[in-house]
Amino acid sequence: MYVIRMKNCAFFARHGVLDEEETLGQRFYVDAALTVDPGRALVEDSIEDTVNYGIAFAVIEKIITGERRFLIEALALEVARALTARFPQIKKAEITVRKPNAPVPGVLDHVEVTVVWPE
């Protein structure tokens, strides 16, 4: 097994519980740690047998910029499921979604949630 990490993938989207979050939108950041069965990919230097980063990014982008979700937890799970469905060689997807402008009554850097699929 080996791990592919995609860090700080940034997208503008409109997720959240409050109406203002949908109206204004904000940036969301996604990290993906993908545990991959090497199969022939490493020995044969074969892109067809590994996870294509560009396609993986597009899968993440489509979900994050798509349908509004109230919970970033739901977003993270949807990304994990979609990546493991698209790339059967991914044996585990650990997806983190960060929301820097979470509507809380205080100062914080960001709120983040990590989902591991399958559990």
PDB file of N, CA and C in Angstrom:
ATOM      1  N   MET A   1       0.846  -1.192   0.000  1.00  0.00           N
ATOM      2  CA  MET A   1       0.000   0.000   0.000  1.00  0.00           C
ATOM      3  C   MET A   1       0.888   1.250   0.000  1.00  0.00           C
ATOM      4  N   TYR A   2       0.334   2.314  -0.566  1.00  0.00           N
ATOM      5  CA  TYR A   2       0.984   3.613  -0.485  1.00  0.00           C
ATOM      6  C   TYR A   2      -0.101   4.675  -0.327  1.00  0.00           C
ATOM      7  N   VAL A   3       0.297   5.875   0.058  1.00  0.00           N
ATOM      8  CA  VAL A   3      -0.667   6.942   0.327  1.00  0.00           C
ATOM      9  C   VAL A   3      -0.411   8.112  -0.614  1.00  0.00           C
ATOM     10  N   ILE A   4      -1.459   8.558  -1.253  1.00  0.00           N
ATOM     11  CA  ILE A   4      -1.431   9.785  -2.048  1.00  0.00           C
ATOM     12  C   ILE A   4      -2.126  10.857  -1.214  1.00  0.00           C
ATOM     13  N   ARG A   5      -1.459  12.003  -1.047  1.00  0.00           N
ATOM     14  CA  ARG A   5      -2.054  13.119  -0.293  1.00  0.00           C
ATOM     15  C   ARG A   5      -2.254  14.315  -1.210  1.00  0.00           C
ATOM     16  N   MET A   6      -3.448  14.830  -1.189  1.00  0.00           N
ATOM     17  CA  MET A   6      -3.769  16.077  -1.876  1.00  0.00           C
ATOM     18  C   MET A   6      -4.127  17.074  -0.777  1.00  0.00           C
ATOM     19  N   LYS A   7      -3.393  18.185  -0.708  1.00  0.00           N
ATOM     20  CA  LYS A   7      -3.544  19.117   0.410  1.00  0.00           C
ATOM     21  C   LYS A   7      -4.062  20.469  -0.048  1.00  0.00           C
ATOM     22  N   ASN A   8      -4.966  21.017   0.744  1.00  0.00           N
ATOM     23  CA  ASN A   8      -5.475  22.381   0.557  1.00  0.00           C
ATOM     24  C   ASN A   8      -6.094  22.626  -0.814  1.00  0.00           C
ATOM     25  N   CYS A   9      -6.860  21.683  -1.307  1.00  0.00           N
ATOM     26  CA  CYS A   9      -7.632  21.919  -2.532  1.00  0.00           C
ATOM     27  C   CYS A   9      -8.677  22.980  -2.164  1.00  0.00           C
ATOM     28  N   ALA A  10      -8.702  24.089  -2.870  1.00  0.00           N
ATOM     29  CA  ALA A  10      -9.555  25.219  -2.490  1.00  0.00           C
ATOM     30  C   ALA A  10     -10.700  25.406  -3.481  1.00  0.00           C
ATOM     31  N   PHE A  11     -11.899  25.653  -2.917  1.00  0.00           N
ATOM     32  CA  PHE A  11     -13.098  25.816  -3.739  1.00  0.00           C
ATOM     33  C   PHE A  11     -14.010  26.858  -3.107  1.00  0.00           C
ATOM     34  N   PHE A  12     -14.723  27.610  -3.933  1.00  0.00           N
ATOM     35  CA  PHE A  12     -15.744  28.526  -3.451  1.00  0.00           C
ATOM     36  C   PHE A  12     -17.077  27.805  -3.525  1.00  0.00           C
ATOM     37  N   ALA A  13     -17.806  27.804  -2.411  1.00  0.00           N
ATOM     38  CA  ALA A  13     -19.087  27.091  -2.366  1.00  0.00           C
ATOM     39  C   ALA A  13     -20.022  27.755  -1.357  1.00  0.00           C
ATOM     40  N   ARG A  14     -21.220  27.196  -1.231  1.00  0.00           N
ATOM     41  CA  ARG A  14     -22.288  27.820  -0.434  1.00  0.00           C
ATOM     42  C   ARG A  14     -22.910  26.854   0.569  1.00  0.00           C
ATOM     43  N   HIS A  15     -22.076  26.165   1.335  1.00  0.00           N
ATOM     44  CA  HIS A  15     -22.567  25.182   2.296  1.00  0.00           C
ATOM     45  C   HIS A  15     -22.749  25.807   3.669  1.00  0.00           C
ATOM     46  N   GLY A  16     -23.653  25.238   4.443  1.00  0.00           N
ATOM     47  CA  GLY A  16     -23.872  25.684   5.808  1.00  0.00           C
ATOM     48  C   GLY A  16     -25.351  25.722   6.141  1.00  0.00           C
ATOM     49  N   VAL A  17     -25.620  25.857   7.414  1.00  0.00           N
ATOM     50  CA  VAL A  17     -26.989  25.850   7.919  1.00  0.00           C
ATOM     51  C   VAL A  17     -27.674  27.203   7.706  1.00  0.00           C
ATOM     52  N   LEU A  18     -26.933  28.270   7.863  1.00  0.00           N
ATOM     53  CA  LEU A  18     -27.533  29.609   7.802  1.00  0.00           C
ATOM     54  C   LEU A  18     -27.788  30.053   6.368  1.00  0.00           C
ATOM     55  N   ASP A  19     -28.875  30.802   6.182  1.00  0.00           N
ATOM     56  CA  ASP A  19     -29.204  31.337   4.858  1.00  0.00           C
ATOM     57  C   ASP A  19     -28.075  32.221   4.316  1.00  0.00           C
ATOM     58  N   GLU A  20     -27.432  32.976   5.206  1.00  0.00           N
ATOM     59  CA  GLU A  20     -26.344  33.875   4.791  1.00  0.00           C
ATOM     60  C   GLU A  20     -25.179  33.100   4.186  1.00  0.00           C
ATOM     61  N   GLU A  21     -24.960  31.887   4.659  1.00  0.00           N
ATOM     62  CA  GLU A  21     -23.867  31.074   4.119  1.00  0.00           C
ATOM     63  C   GLU A  21     -24.155  30.676   2.678  1.00  0.00           C
ATOM     64  N   GLU A  22     -25.417  30.431   2.382  1.00  0.00           N
ATOM     65  CA  GLU A  22     -25.782  30.117   1.008  1.00  0.00           C
ATOM     66  C   GLU A  22     -25.719  31.367   0.133  1.00  0.00           C
ATOM     67  N   THR A  23     -26.174  32.474   0.663  1.00  0.00           N
ATOM     68  CA  THR A  23     -26.204  33.719  -0.105  1.00  0.00           C
ATOM     69  C   THR A  23     -24.798  34.228  -0.417  1.00  0.00           C
ATOM     70  N   LEU A  24     -23.966  34.286   0.602  1.00  0.00           N
ATOM     71  CA  LEU A  24     -22.628  34.873   0.446  1.00  0.00           C
ATOM     72  C   LEU A  24     -21.601  33.870  -0.076  1.00  0.00           C
ATOM     73  N   GLY A  25     -21.704  32.634   0.363  1.00  0.00           N
ATOM     74  CA  GLY A  25     -20.702  31.638   0.010  1.00  0.00           C
ATOM     75  C   GLY A  25     -19.380  31.920   0.705  1.00  0.00           C
ATOM     76  N   GLN A  26     -18.450  31.013   0.551  1.00  0.00           N
ATOM     77  CA  GLN A  26     -17.114  31.167   1.133  1.00  0.00           C
ATOM     78  C   GLN A  26     -16.195  30.100   0.569  1.00  0.00           C
ATOM     79  N   ARG A  27     -14.925  30.205   0.912  1.00  0.00           N
ATOM     80  CA  ARG A  27     -13.958  29.230   0.456  1.00  0.00           C
ATOM     81  C   ARG A  27     -13.955  28.029   1.400  1.00  0.00           C
ATOM     82  N   PHE A  28     -13.825  26.853   0.822  1.00  0.00           N
ATOM     83  CA  PHE A  28     -13.668  25.606   1.568  1.00  0.00           C
ATOM     84  C   PHE A  28     -12.370  24.965   1.114  1.00  0.00           C
ATOM     85  N   TYR A  29     -11.705  24.269   2.033  1.00  0.00           N
ATOM     86  CA  TYR A  29     -10.438  23.604   1.726  1.00  0.00           C
ATOM     87  C   TYR A  29     -10.584  22.112   2.007  1.00  0.00           C
ATOM     88  N   VAL A  30     -10.029  21.305   1.115  1.00  0.00           N
ATOM     89  CA  VAL A  30     -10.155  19.853   1.233  1.00  0.00           C
ATOM     90  C   VAL A  30      -8.778  19.212   1.167  1.00  0.00           C
ATOM     91  N   ASP A  31      -8.540  18.276   2.085  1.00  0.00           N
ATOM     92  CA  ASP A  31      -7.368  17.407   2.034  1.00  0.00           C
ATOM     93  C   ASP A  31      -7.867  15.997   1.793  1.00  0.00           C
ATOM     94  N   ALA A  32      -7.142  15.248   0.980  1.00  0.00           N
ATOM     95  CA  ALA A  32      -7.470  13.846   0.742  1.00  0.00           C
ATOM     96  C   ALA A  32      -6.214  13.018   0.967  1.00  0.00           C
ATOM     97  N   ALA A  33      -6.306  12.031   1.854  1.00  0.00           N
ATOM     98  CA  ALA A  33      -5.247  11.043   2.043  1.00  0.00           C
ATOM     99  C   ALA A  33      -5.821   9.717   1.563  1.00  0.00           C
ATOM    100  N   LEU A  34      -5.294   9.230   0.465  1.00  0.00           N
ATOM    101  CA  LEU A  34      -5.844   8.060  -0.201  1.00  0.00           C
ATOM    102  C   LEU A  34      -4.875   6.890  -0.088  1.00  0.00           C
ATOM    103  N   THR A  35      -5.290   5.839   0.607  1.00  0.00           N
ATOM    104  CA  THR A  35      -4.476   4.638   0.729  1.00  0.00           C
ATOM    105  C   THR A  35      -4.777   3.752  -0.476  1.00  0.00           C
ATOM    106  N   VAL A  36      -3.737   3.478  -1.260  1.00  0.00           N
ATOM    107  CA  VAL A  36      -3.897   2.847  -2.563  1.00  0.00           C
ATOM    108  C   VAL A  36      -3.177   1.502  -2.613  1.00  0.00           C
ATOM    109  N   ASP A  37      -3.863   0.526  -3.167  1.00  0.00           N
ATOM    110  CA  ASP A  37      -3.247  -0.777  -3.452  1.00  0.00           C
ATOM    111  C   ASP A  37      -2.363  -0.583  -4.682  1.00  0.00           C
ATOM    112  N   PRO A  38      -1.071  -0.877  -4.581  1.00  0.00           N
ATOM    113  CA  PRO A  38      -0.170  -0.570  -5.689  1.00  0.00           C
ATOM    114  C   PRO A  38      -0.388  -1.391  -6.950  1.00  0.00           C
ATOM    115  N   GLY A  39      -0.926  -2.596  -6.819  1.00  0.00           N
ATOM    116  CA  GLY A  39      -1.085  -3.411  -8.021  1.00  0.00           C
ATOM    117  C   GLY A  39       0.193  -3.384  -8.848  1.00  0.00           C
ATOM    118  N   ARG A  40       0.081  -3.045 -10.129  1.00  0.00           N
ATOM    119  CA  ARG A  40       1.242  -2.957 -11.018  1.00  0.00           C
ATOM    120  C   ARG A  40       1.768  -1.530 -11.140  1.00  0.00           C
ATOM    121  N   ALA A  41       1.072  -0.567 -10.603  1.00  0.00           N
ATOM    122  CA  ALA A  41       1.369   0.846 -10.851  1.00  0.00           C
ATOM    123  C   ALA A  41       2.816   1.228 -10.556  1.00  0.00           C
ATOM    124  N   LEU A  42       3.330   0.840  -9.410  1.00  0.00           N
ATOM    125  CA  LEU A  42       4.668   1.281  -9.016  1.00  0.00           C
ATOM    126  C   LEU A  42       5.757   0.580  -9.816  1.00  0.00           C
ATOM    127  N   VAL A  43       5.635  -0.711  -9.966  1.00  0.00           N
ATOM    128  CA  VAL A  43       6.654  -1.493 -10.665  1.00  0.00           C
ATOM    129  C   VAL A  43       6.684  -1.144 -12.151  1.00  0.00           C
ATOM    130  N   GLU A  44       5.509  -0.941 -12.735  1.00  0.00           N
ATOM    131  CA  GLU A  44       5.425  -0.699 -14.169  1.00  0.00           C
ATOM    132  C   GLU A  44       5.289   0.775 -14.537  1.00  0.00           C
ATOM    133  N   ASP A  45       5.319   1.658 -13.521  1.00  0.00           N
ATOM    134  CA  ASP A  45       5.211   3.104 -13.765  1.00  0.00           C
ATOM    135  C   ASP A  45       3.976   3.413 -14.611  1.00  0.00           C
ATOM    136  N   SER A  46       2.828   2.873 -14.164  1.00  0.00           N
ATOM    137  CA  SER A  46       1.604   2.900 -14.960  1.00  0.00           C
ATOM    138  C   SER A  46       0.558   3.839 -14.380  1.00  0.00           C
ATOM    139  N   ILE A  47       0.285   4.927 -15.084  1.00  0.00           N
ATOM    140  CA  ILE A  47      -0.749   5.872 -14.646  1.00  0.00           C
ATOM    141  C   ILE A  47      -2.129   5.229 -14.660  1.00  0.00           C
ATOM    142  N   GLU A  48      -2.359   4.289 -15.553  1.00  0.00           N
ATOM    143  CA  GLU A  48      -3.664   3.634 -15.642  1.00  0.00           C
ATOM    144  C   GLU A  48      -3.983   2.808 -14.399  1.00  0.00           C
ATOM    145  N   ASP A  49      -2.953   2.408 -13.657  1.00  0.00           N
ATOM    146  CA  ASP A  49      -3.155   1.545 -12.499  1.00  0.00           C
ATOM    147  C   ASP A  49      -3.077   2.281 -11.161  1.00  0.00           C
ATOM    148  N   THR A  50      -3.000   3.592 -11.207  1.00  0.00           N
ATOM    149  CA  THR A  50      -2.968   4.359  -9.965  1.00  0.00           C
ATOM    150  C   THR A  50      -4.088   5.396  -9.999  1.00  0.00           C
ATOM    151  N   VAL A  51      -4.052   6.339  -9.091  1.00  0.00           N
ATOM    152  CA  VAL A  51      -5.059   7.388  -9.002  1.00  0.00           C
ATOM    153  C   VAL A  51      -4.541   8.607  -9.758  1.00  0.00           C
ATOM    154  N   ASN A  52      -5.249   9.011 -10.776  1.00  0.00           N
ATOM    155  CA  ASN A  52      -4.886  10.194 -11.543  1.00  0.00           C
ATOM    156  C   ASN A  52      -5.278  11.423 -10.723  1.00  0.00           C
ATOM    157  N   TYR A  53      -4.299  12.224 -10.330  1.00  0.00           N
ATOM    158  CA  TYR A  53      -4.562  13.378  -9.458  1.00  0.00           C
ATOM    159  C   TYR A  53      -5.541  14.366 -10.078  1.00  0.00           C
ATOM    160  N   GLY A  54      -5.428  14.584 -11.366  1.00  0.00           N
ATOM    161  CA  GLY A  54      -6.315  15.533 -12.040  1.00  0.00           C
ATOM    162  C   GLY A  54      -7.764  15.090 -11.996  1.00  0.00           C
ATOM    163  N   ILE A  55      -7.979  13.798 -12.241  1.00  0.00           N
ATOM    164  CA  ILE A  55      -9.343  13.270 -12.176  1.00  0.00           C
ATOM    165  C   ILE A  55      -9.858  13.305 -10.738  1.00  0.00           C
ATOM    166  N   ALA A  56      -9.004  12.944  -9.780  1.00  0.00           N
ATOM    167  CA  ALA A  56      -9.406  12.982  -8.363  1.00  0.00           C
ATOM    168  C   ALA A  56      -9.791  14.404  -7.952  1.00  0.00           C
ATOM    169  N   PHE A  57      -9.003  15.383  -8.379  1.00  0.00           N
ATOM    170  CA  PHE A  57      -9.315  16.783  -8.070  1.00  0.00           C
ATOM    171  C   PHE A  57     -10.675  17.162  -8.657  1.00  0.00           C
ATOM    172  N   ALA A  58     -10.931  16.752  -9.896  1.00  0.00           N
ATOM    173  CA  ALA A  58     -12.206  17.067 -10.549  1.00  0.00           C
ATOM    174  C   ALA A  58     -13.389  16.436  -9.812  1.00  0.00           C
ATOM    175  N   VAL A  59     -13.207  15.226  -9.293  1.00  0.00           N
ATOM    176  CA  VAL A  59     -14.259  14.559  -8.510  1.00  0.00           C
ATOM    177  C   VAL A  59     -14.556  15.372  -7.252  1.00  0.00           C
ATOM    178  N   ILE A  60     -13.498  15.792  -6.565  1.00  0.00           N
ATOM    179  CA  ILE A  60     -13.659  16.601  -5.349  1.00  0.00           C
ATOM    180  C   ILE A  60     -14.349  17.918  -5.686  1.00  0.00           C
ATOM    181  N   GLU A  61     -13.875  18.589  -6.713  1.00  0.00           N
ATOM    182  CA  GLU A  61     -14.425  19.893  -7.104  1.00  0.00           C
ATOM    183  C   GLU A  61     -15.914  19.806  -7.436  1.00  0.00           C
ATOM    184  N   LYS A  62     -16.311  18.799  -8.174  1.00  0.00           N
ATOM    185  CA  LYS A  62     -17.720  18.650  -8.559  1.00  0.00           C
ATOM    186  C   LYS A  62     -18.624  18.547  -7.326  1.00  0.00           C
ATOM    187  N   ILE A  63     -18.171  17.830  -6.322  1.00  0.00           N
ATOM    188  CA  ILE A  63     -18.974  17.659  -5.106  1.00  0.00           C
ATOM    189  C   ILE A  63     -18.975  18.931  -4.271  1.00  0.00           C
ATOM    190  N   ILE A  64     -17.801  19.504  -4.037  1.00  0.00           N
ATOM    191  CA  ILE A  64     -17.715  20.681  -3.162  1.00  0.00           C
ATOM    192  C   ILE A  64     -18.432  21.885  -3.772  1.00  0.00           C
ATOM    193  N   THR A  65     -18.346  22.052  -5.076  1.00  0.00           N
ATOM    194  CA  THR A  65     -18.992  23.205  -5.711  1.00  0.00           C
ATOM    195  C   THR A  65     -20.417  22.895  -6.166  1.00  0.00           C
ATOM    196  N   GLY A  66     -20.875  21.690  -5.894  1.00  0.00           N
ATOM    197  CA  GLY A  66     -22.202  21.267  -6.329  1.00  0.00           C
ATOM    198  C   GLY A  66     -23.293  21.581  -5.320  1.00  0.00           C
ATOM    199  N   GLU A  67     -24.152  20.614  -5.118  1.00  0.00           N
ATOM    200  CA  GLU A  67     -25.339  20.770  -4.278  1.00  0.00           C
ATOM    201  C   GLU A  67     -24.996  21.223  -2.864  1.00  0.00           C
ATOM    202  N   ARG A  68     -25.751  22.176  -2.361  1.00  0.00           N
ATOM    203  CA  ARG A  68     -25.545  22.698  -1.002  1.00  0.00           C
ATOM    204  C   ARG A  68     -25.763  21.601   0.026  1.00  0.00           C
ATOM    205  N   ARG A  69     -24.891  21.569   1.010  1.00  0.00           N
ATOM    206  CA  ARG A  69     -25.014  20.680   2.162  1.00  0.00           C
ATOM    207  C   ARG A  69     -25.014  21.543   3.420  1.00  0.00           C
ATOM    208  N   PHE A  70     -25.760  21.113   4.414  1.00  0.00           N
ATOM    209  CA  PHE A  70     -25.740  21.812   5.702  1.00  0.00           C
ATOM    210  C   PHE A  70     -24.478  21.466   6.482  1.00  0.00           C
ATOM    211  N   LEU A  71     -24.008  20.243   6.340  1.00  0.00           N
ATOM    212  CA  LEU A  71     -22.879  19.754   7.143  1.00  0.00           C
ATOM    213  C   LEU A  71     -21.645  19.494   6.296  1.00  0.00           C
ATOM    214  N   ILE A  72     -20.495  19.980   6.767  1.00  0.00           N
ATOM    215  CA  ILE A  72     -19.260  19.642   6.065  1.00  0.00           C
ATOM    216  C   ILE A  72     -18.931  18.159   6.251  1.00  0.00           C
ATOM    217  N   GLU A  73     -19.500  17.551   7.280  1.00  0.00           N
ATOM    218  CA  GLU A  73     -19.348  16.103   7.468  1.00  0.00           C
ATOM    219  C   GLU A  73     -19.940  15.342   6.281  1.00  0.00           C
ATOM    220  N   ALA A  74     -21.123  15.798   5.831  1.00  0.00           N
ATOM    221  CA  ALA A  74     -21.778  15.168   4.687  1.00  0.00           C
ATOM    222  C   ALA A  74     -20.953  15.356   3.422  1.00  0.00           C
ATOM    223  N   LEU A  75     -20.350  16.528   3.260  1.00  0.00           N
ATOM    224  CA  LEU A  75     -19.479  16.766   2.108  1.00  0.00           C
ATOM    225  C   LEU A  75     -18.293  15.814   2.104  1.00  0.00           C
ATOM    226  N   ALA A  76     -17.642  15.692   3.260  1.00  0.00           N
ATOM    227  CA  ALA A  76     -16.462  14.831   3.365  1.00  0.00           C
ATOM    228  C   ALA A  76     -16.812  13.383   3.032  1.00  0.00           C
ATOM    229  N   LEU A  77     -17.927  12.903   3.550  1.00  0.00           N
ATOM    230  CA  LEU A  77     -18.336  11.525   3.270  1.00  0.00           C
ATOM    231  C   LEU A  77     -18.644  11.338   1.789  1.00  0.00           C
ATOM    232  N   GLU A  78     -19.324  12.297   1.193  1.00  0.00           N
ATOM    233  CA  GLU A  78     -19.655  12.185  -0.226  1.00  0.00           C
ATOM    234  C   GLU A  78     -18.387  12.145  -1.084  1.00  0.00           C
ATOM    235  N   VAL A  79     -17.400  12.953  -0.745  1.00  0.00           N
ATOM    236  CA  VAL A  79     -16.127  12.941  -1.476  1.00  0.00           C
ATOM    237  C   VAL A  79     -15.445  11.588  -1.326  1.00  0.00           C
ATOM    238  N   ALA A  80     -15.376  11.082  -0.099  1.00  0.00           N
ATOM    239  CA  ALA A  80     -14.722   9.789   0.140  1.00  0.00           C
ATOM    240  C   ALA A  80     -15.392   8.671  -0.645  1.00  0.00           C
ATOM    241  N   ARG A  81     -16.694   8.635  -0.624  1.00  0.00           N
ATOM    242  CA  ARG A  81     -17.432   7.593  -1.362  1.00  0.00           C
ATOM    243  C   ARG A  81     -17.211   7.717  -2.870  1.00  0.00           C
ATOM    244  N   ALA A  82     -17.240   8.940  -3.367  1.00  0.00           N
ATOM    245  CA  ALA A  82     -17.073   9.151  -4.805  1.00  0.00           C
ATOM    246  C   ALA A  82     -15.674   8.747  -5.274  1.00  0.00           C
ATOM    247  N   LEU A  83     -14.658   9.087  -4.499  1.00  0.00           N
ATOM    248  CA  LEU A  83     -13.292   8.730  -4.893  1.00  0.00           C
ATOM    249  C   LEU A  83     -13.073   7.221  -4.863  1.00  0.00           C
ATOM    250  N   THR A  84     -13.592   6.542  -3.830  1.00  0.00           N
ATOM    251  CA  THR A  84     -13.409   5.090  -3.778  1.00  0.00           C
ATOM    252  C   THR A  84     -14.227   4.384  -4.847  1.00  0.00           C
ATOM    253  N   ALA A  85     -15.338   4.969  -5.261  1.00  0.00           N
ATOM    254  CA  ALA A  85     -16.125   4.388  -6.353  1.00  0.00           C
ATOM    255  C   ALA A  85     -15.423   4.592  -7.692  1.00  0.00           C
ATOM    256  N   ARG A  86     -14.825   5.756  -7.888  1.00  0.00           N
ATOM    257  CA  ARG A  86     -14.157   6.074  -9.164  1.00  0.00           C
ATOM    258  C   ARG A  86     -12.848   5.304  -9.336  1.00  0.00           C
ATOM    259  N   PHE A  87     -12.132   5.107  -8.226  1.00  0.00           N
ATOM    260  CA  PHE A  87     -10.833   4.434  -8.253  1.00  0.00           C
ATOM    261  C   PHE A  87     -10.873   3.227  -7.326  1.00  0.00           C
ATOM    262  N   PRO A  88     -11.174   2.037  -7.836  1.00  0.00           N
ATOM    263  CA  PRO A  88     -11.278   0.853  -6.974  1.00  0.00           C
ATOM    264  C   PRO A  88      -9.973   0.494  -6.267  1.00  0.00           C
ATOM    265  N   GLN A  89      -8.852   1.003  -6.748  1.00  0.00           N
ATOM    266  CA  GLN A  89      -7.577   0.722  -6.076  1.00  0.00           C
ATOM    267  C   GLN A  89      -7.403   1.519  -4.777  1.00  0.00           C
ATOM    268  N   ILE A  90      -8.293   2.502  -4.525  1.00  0.00           N
ATOM    269  CA  ILE A  90      -8.268   3.211  -3.240  1.00  0.00           C
ATOM    270  C   ILE A  90      -8.942   2.312  -2.209  1.00  0.00           C
ATOM    271  N   LYS A  91      -8.189   1.894  -1.218  1.00  0.00           N
ATOM    272  CA  LYS A  91      -8.717   1.016  -0.175  1.00  0.00           C
ATOM    273  C   LYS A  91      -9.245   1.795   1.025  1.00  0.00           C
ATOM    274  N   LYS A  92      -8.758   3.032   1.199  1.00  0.00           N
ATOM    275  CA  LYS A  92      -9.243   3.887   2.289  1.00  0.00           C
ATOM    276  C   LYS A  92      -9.065   5.332   1.856  1.00  0.00           C
ATOM    277  N   ALA A  93     -10.099   6.131   2.073  1.00  0.00           N
ATOM    278  CA  ALA A  93     -10.039   7.564   1.781  1.00  0.00           C
ATOM    279  C   ALA A  93     -10.282   8.329   3.074  1.00  0.00           C
ATOM    280  N   GLU A  94      -9.326   9.155   3.438  1.00  0.00           N
ATOM    281  CA  GLU A  94      -9.461  10.021   4.610  1.00  0.00           C
ATOM    282  C   GLU A  94      -9.589  11.447   4.082  1.00  0.00           C
ATOM    283  N   ILE A  95     -10.786  12.017   4.235  1.00  0.00           N
ATOM    284  CA  ILE A  95     -11.097  13.319   3.646  1.00  0.00           C
ATOM    285  C   ILE A  95     -11.334  14.339   4.760  1.00  0.00           C
ATOM    286  N   THR A  96     -10.632  15.454   4.664  1.00  0.00           N
ATOM    287  CA  THR A  96     -10.806  16.557   5.613  1.00  0.00           C
ATOM    288  C   THR A  96     -11.358  17.756   4.859  1.00  0.00           C
ATOM    289  N   VAL A  97     -12.430  18.338   5.403  1.00  0.00           N
ATOM    290  CA  VAL A  97     -13.004  19.564   4.847  1.00  0.00           C
ATOM    291  C   VAL A  97     -12.856  20.649   5.907  1.00  0.00           C
ATOM    292  N   ARG A  98     -12.264  21.784   5.491  1.00  0.00           N
ATOM    293  CA  ARG A  98     -12.078  22.926   6.385  1.00  0.00           C
ATOM    294  C   ARG A  98     -12.970  24.081   5.955  1.00  0.00           C
ATOM    295  N   LYS A  99     -13.559  24.707   6.951  1.00  0.00           N
ATOM    296  CA  LYS A  99     -14.440  25.856   6.730  1.00  0.00           C
ATOM    297  C   LYS A  99     -13.862  27.014   7.545  1.00  0.00           C
ATOM    298  N   PRO A 100     -13.163  27.950   6.896  1.00  0.00           N
ATOM    299  CA  PRO A 100     -12.484  29.002   7.653  1.00  0.00           C
ATOM    300  C   PRO A 100     -13.412  30.047   8.262  1.00  0.00           C
ATOM    301  N   ASN A 101     -14.563  30.260   7.684  1.00  0.00           N
ATOM    302  CA  ASN A 101     -15.456  31.318   8.176  1.00  0.00           C
ATOM    303  C   ASN A 101     -16.726  30.739   8.805  1.00  0.00           C
ATOM    304  N   ALA A 102     -16.530  29.774   9.669  1.00  0.00           N
ATOM    305  CA  ALA A 102     -17.680  29.171  10.349  1.00  0.00           C
ATOM    306  C   ALA A 102     -18.359  30.223  11.220  1.00  0.00           C
ATOM    307  N   PRO A 103     -19.693  30.281  11.183  1.00  0.00           N
ATOM    308  CA  PRO A 103     -20.409  31.301  11.953  1.00  0.00           C
ATOM    309  C   PRO A 103     -20.498  30.936  13.440  1.00  0.00           C
ATOM    310  N   VAL A 104     -19.443  31.253  14.168  1.00  0.00           N
ATOM    311  CA  VAL A 104     -19.418  31.010  15.610  1.00  0.00           C
ATOM    312  C   VAL A 104     -19.196  32.341  16.316  1.00  0.00           C
ATOM    313  N   PRO A 105     -19.663  32.459  17.547  1.00  0.00           N
ATOM    314  CA  PRO A 105     -19.518  33.731  18.269  1.00  0.00           C
ATOM    315  C   PRO A 105     -18.141  33.859  18.910  1.00  0.00           C
ATOM    316  N   GLY A 106     -17.124  33.886  18.093  1.00  0.00           N
ATOM    317  CA  GLY A 106     -15.761  34.004  18.591  1.00  0.00           C
ATOM    318  C   GLY A 106     -14.779  33.953  17.441  1.00  0.00           C
ATOM    319  N   VAL A 107     -13.505  34.007  17.793  1.00  0.00           N
ATOM    320  CA  VAL A 107     -12.446  34.015  16.794  1.00  0.00           C
ATOM    321  C   VAL A 107     -11.832  32.629  16.720  1.00  0.00           C
ATOM    322  N   LEU A 108     -11.732  32.101  15.508  1.00  0.00           N
ATOM    323  CA  LEU A 108     -11.051  30.826  15.305  1.00  0.00           C
ATOM    324  C   LEU A 108     -10.459  30.806  13.912  1.00  0.00           C
ATOM    325  N   ASP A 109      -9.484  29.955  13.714  1.00  0.00           N
ATOM    326  CA  ASP A 109      -8.832  29.847  12.414  1.00  0.00           C
ATOM    327  C   ASP A 109      -9.754  29.168  11.412  1.00  0.00           C
ATOM    328  N   HIS A 110     -10.312  28.034  11.797  1.00  0.00           N
ATOM    329  CA  HIS A 110     -11.232  27.295  10.937  1.00  0.00           C
ATOM    330  C   HIS A 110     -11.862  26.158  11.734  1.00  0.00           C
ATOM    331  N   VAL A 111     -12.907  25.604  11.179  1.00  0.00           N
ATOM    332  CA  VAL A 111     -13.499  24.367  11.684  1.00  0.00           C
ATOM    333  C   VAL A 111     -13.175  23.315  10.639  1.00  0.00           C
ATOM    334  N   GLU A 112     -12.815  22.120  11.082  1.00  0.00           N
ATOM    335  CA  GLU A 112     -12.550  21.052  10.116  1.00  0.00           C
ATOM    336  C   GLU A 112     -13.113  19.741  10.604  1.00  0.00           C
ATOM    337  N   VAL A 113     -13.481  18.916   9.631  1.00  0.00           N
ATOM    338  CA  VAL A 113     -14.020  17.590   9.895  1.00  0.00           C
ATOM    339  C   VAL A 113     -13.261  16.597   9.025  1.00  0.00           C
ATOM    340  N   THR A 114     -12.939  15.442   9.605  1.00  0.00           N
ATOM    341  CA  THR A 114     -12.297  14.380   8.843  1.00  0.00           C
ATOM    342  C   THR A 114     -13.165  13.145   8.891  1.00  0.00           C
ATOM    343  N   VAL A 115     -13.388  12.574   7.706  1.00  0.00           N
ATOM    344  CA  VAL A 115     -14.164  11.339   7.566  1.00  0.00           C
ATOM    345  C   VAL A 115     -13.266  10.284   6.929  1.00  0.00           C
ATOM    346  N   VAL A 116     -13.337   9.066   7.436  1.00  0.00           N
ATOM    347  CA  VAL A 116     -12.589   7.956   6.855  1.00  0.00           C
ATOM    348  C   VAL A 116     -13.590   6.975   6.252  1.00  0.00           C
ATOM    349  N   TRP A 117     -13.339   6.589   4.968  1.00  0.00           N
ATOM    350  CA  TRP A 117     -14.222   5.670   4.273  1.00  0.00           C
ATOM    351  C   TRP A 117     -13.411   4.619   3.545  1.00  0.00           C
ATOM    352  N   PRO A 118     -13.711   3.357   3.575  1.00  0.00           N
ATOM    353  CA  PRO A 118     -14.704   2.810   4.510  1.00  0.00           C
ATOM    354  C   PRO A 118     -14.146   2.842   5.926  1.00  0.00           C
ATOM    355  N   GLU A 119     -15.042   2.743   6.862  1.00  0.00           N
ATOM    356  CA  GLU A 119     -14.672   2.852   8.293  1.00  0.00           C
ATOM    357  C   GLU A 119     -13.847   1.676   8.727  1.00  0.00           C
TER     358      GLU A 119
END
